[in-house]
Amino acid sequence: MRGPGRFFNRRLKVWRPVTTDDGYGGQDTVMVEQPVTVRAKVDQPSNADQMLAGQSGSDHDHTVFLPPRADVRRGDELRGTDALGQAQVFRVLATVQPSTPVYSKAPCTLIQKEG
């Protein structure tokens, strides 16, 4: 029997927010590319996921499945292209694992560019 890794059909770059002093007493936050690319599977959320997101006021519109040890955190962005070559950016809302850690599940929001 093969593991769940065969379903990870995309590669996404991890971008993480980094906060620095702006020199005027405030802070700036910029997204910095991490030196890792993760294997992933991107799905639309299930009906149950959509219902829970709606009840909590979440913007969850995609679910990204990752290997269980992937270094992906809440607030990160996962960037890559879809099967049509269209650039996509997903903002990670949370990361969770099932009781048997065979994958990590990250509810995400797709960030679409205007125009």
Protein backbone atom coordinates (compact mmCIF):
# COMPACT_ATOMS: atom_id res chain seq x y z
CA MET A 1 0.00 0.00 0.00
CA ARG A 2 1.29 3.44 -0.90
CA GLY A 3 1.23 6.39 1.53
CA PRO A 4 -0.65 9.66 1.15
CA GLY A 5 2.41 11.31 -0.45
CA ARG A 6 1.24 10.17 -3.88
CA PHE A 7 -1.62 12.68 -3.64
CA PHE A 8 0.73 15.67 -3.14
CA ASN A 9 0.69 16.74 -6.79
CA ARG A 10 1.89 20.35 -6.46
CA ARG A 11 4.95 22.18 -5.21
CA LEU A 12 4.41 25.42 -3.33
CA LYS A 13 6.95 27.93 -2.07
CA VAL A 14 6.61 29.04 1.56
CA TRP A 15 6.67 32.79 2.30
CA ARG A 16 6.68 33.91 5.95
CA PRO A 17 5.87 37.31 7.47
CA VAL A 18 8.90 38.99 9.06
CA THR A 19 8.56 42.14 11.17
CA THR A 20 11.36 44.73 11.31
CA ASP A 21 11.71 48.16 12.91
CA ASP A 22 10.96 50.96 10.46
CA GLY A 23 13.38 53.40 12.11
CA TYR A 24 10.57 55.73 13.22
CA GLY A 25 9.31 53.81 16.26
CA GLY A 26 7.01 51.55 14.27
CA GLN A 27 7.32 48.26 12.46
CA ASP A 28 7.05 46.99 8.91
CA THR A 29 5.98 43.47 8.01
CA VAL A 30 7.18 41.95 4.75
CA MET A 31 6.79 38.47 3.29
CA VAL A 32 10.13 36.66 2.96
CA GLU A 33 10.60 33.53 0.85
CA GLN A 34 11.73 30.58 2.95
CA PRO A 35 14.42 28.19 1.67
CA VAL A 36 11.89 25.37 1.32
CA THR A 37 9.35 24.19 -1.23
CA VAL A 38 6.60 21.91 0.07
CA ARG A 39 4.69 19.19 -1.70
CA ALA A 40 0.95 19.78 -1.45
CA LYS A 41 -2.54 18.92 -2.61
CA VAL A 42 -4.97 21.85 -2.95
CA ASP A 43 -8.71 21.15 -2.59
CA GLN A 44 -11.93 23.06 -2.25
CA PRO A 45 -13.12 22.67 1.37
CA SER A 46 -15.70 19.99 2.16
CA ASN A 47 -19.30 20.96 2.93
CA ALA A 48 -18.60 20.47 6.65
CA ASP A 49 -15.49 22.69 6.43
CA GLN A 50 -17.50 25.38 4.64
CA MET A 51 -20.23 25.26 7.29
CA LEU A 52 -17.72 25.58 10.15
CA ALA A 53 -15.91 28.42 8.38
CA GLY A 54 -19.19 30.25 7.83
CA GLN A 55 -20.19 29.88 11.48
CA SER A 56 -16.88 31.27 12.69
CA GLY A 57 -16.69 34.07 10.11
CA SER A 58 -13.55 32.56 8.53
CA ASP A 59 -12.40 33.22 4.97
CA HIS A 60 -11.56 29.53 4.42
CA ASP A 61 -12.00 28.83 0.70
CA HIS A 62 -9.32 26.19 0.01
CA THR A 63 -7.79 23.33 1.97
CA VAL A 64 -4.12 22.54 1.41
CA PHE A 65 -2.86 19.11 2.46
CA LEU A 66 0.86 18.86 3.29
CA PRO A 67 3.32 16.26 4.57
CA PRO A 68 3.03 16.02 8.39
CA ARG A 69 6.44 17.61 9.07
CA ALA A 70 6.13 20.48 6.59
CA ASP A 71 7.27 23.76 8.18
CA VAL A 72 4.12 25.75 7.40
CA ARG A 73 2.58 28.08 9.98
CA ARG A 74 -0.47 30.27 10.43
CA GLY A 75 0.11 33.54 8.56
CA ASP A 76 2.43 32.00 5.96
CA GLU A 77 1.70 32.27 2.26
CA LEU A 78 1.97 29.28 -0.07
CA ARG A 79 2.77 30.35 -3.64
CA GLY A 80 2.74 28.35 -6.84
CA THR A 81 0.79 27.74 -10.04
CA ASP A 82 -2.29 25.68 -10.79
CA ALA A 83 -2.63 23.07 -13.55
CA LEU A 84 -3.30 25.86 -16.08
CA GLY A 85 -0.13 27.75 -15.12
CA GLN A 86 -2.01 30.50 -13.29
CA ALA A 87 -0.14 32.00 -10.34
CA GLN A 88 -1.84 31.39 -6.99
CA VAL A 89 -1.18 32.67 -3.46
CA PHE A 90 -2.82 31.00 -0.45
CA ARG A 91 -2.73 32.63 3.02
CA VAL A 92 -2.60 29.96 5.74
CA LEU A 93 -5.32 30.44 8.38
CA ALA A 94 -4.20 27.51 10.59
CA THR A 95 -2.47 24.13 10.45
CA VAL A 96 -3.89 20.96 12.00
CA GLN A 97 -3.10 17.26 11.98
CA PRO A 98 -5.35 14.26 12.39
CA SER A 99 -4.81 11.95 15.38
CA THR A 100 -2.56 9.79 13.21
CA PRO A 101 -0.13 12.29 11.64
CA VAL A 102 -0.05 11.11 8.02
CA TYR A 103 -0.61 14.65 6.70
CA SER A 104 -1.14 18.23 7.84
CA LYS A 105 -4.23 20.15 6.81
CA ALA A 106 -4.09 23.91 6.28
CA PRO A 107 -7.30 25.87 5.78
CA CYS A 108 -6.36 28.77 3.48
CA THR A 109 -7.68 31.83 1.69
CA LEU A 110 -6.87 32.27 -1.99
CA ILE A 111 -5.53 35.79 -2.54
CA GLN A 112 -6.49 36.94 -6.00
CA LYS A 113 -4.99 39.93 -7.76
CA GLU A 114 -7.31 42.57 -9.10
CA GLY A 115 -7.56 43.28 -12.80
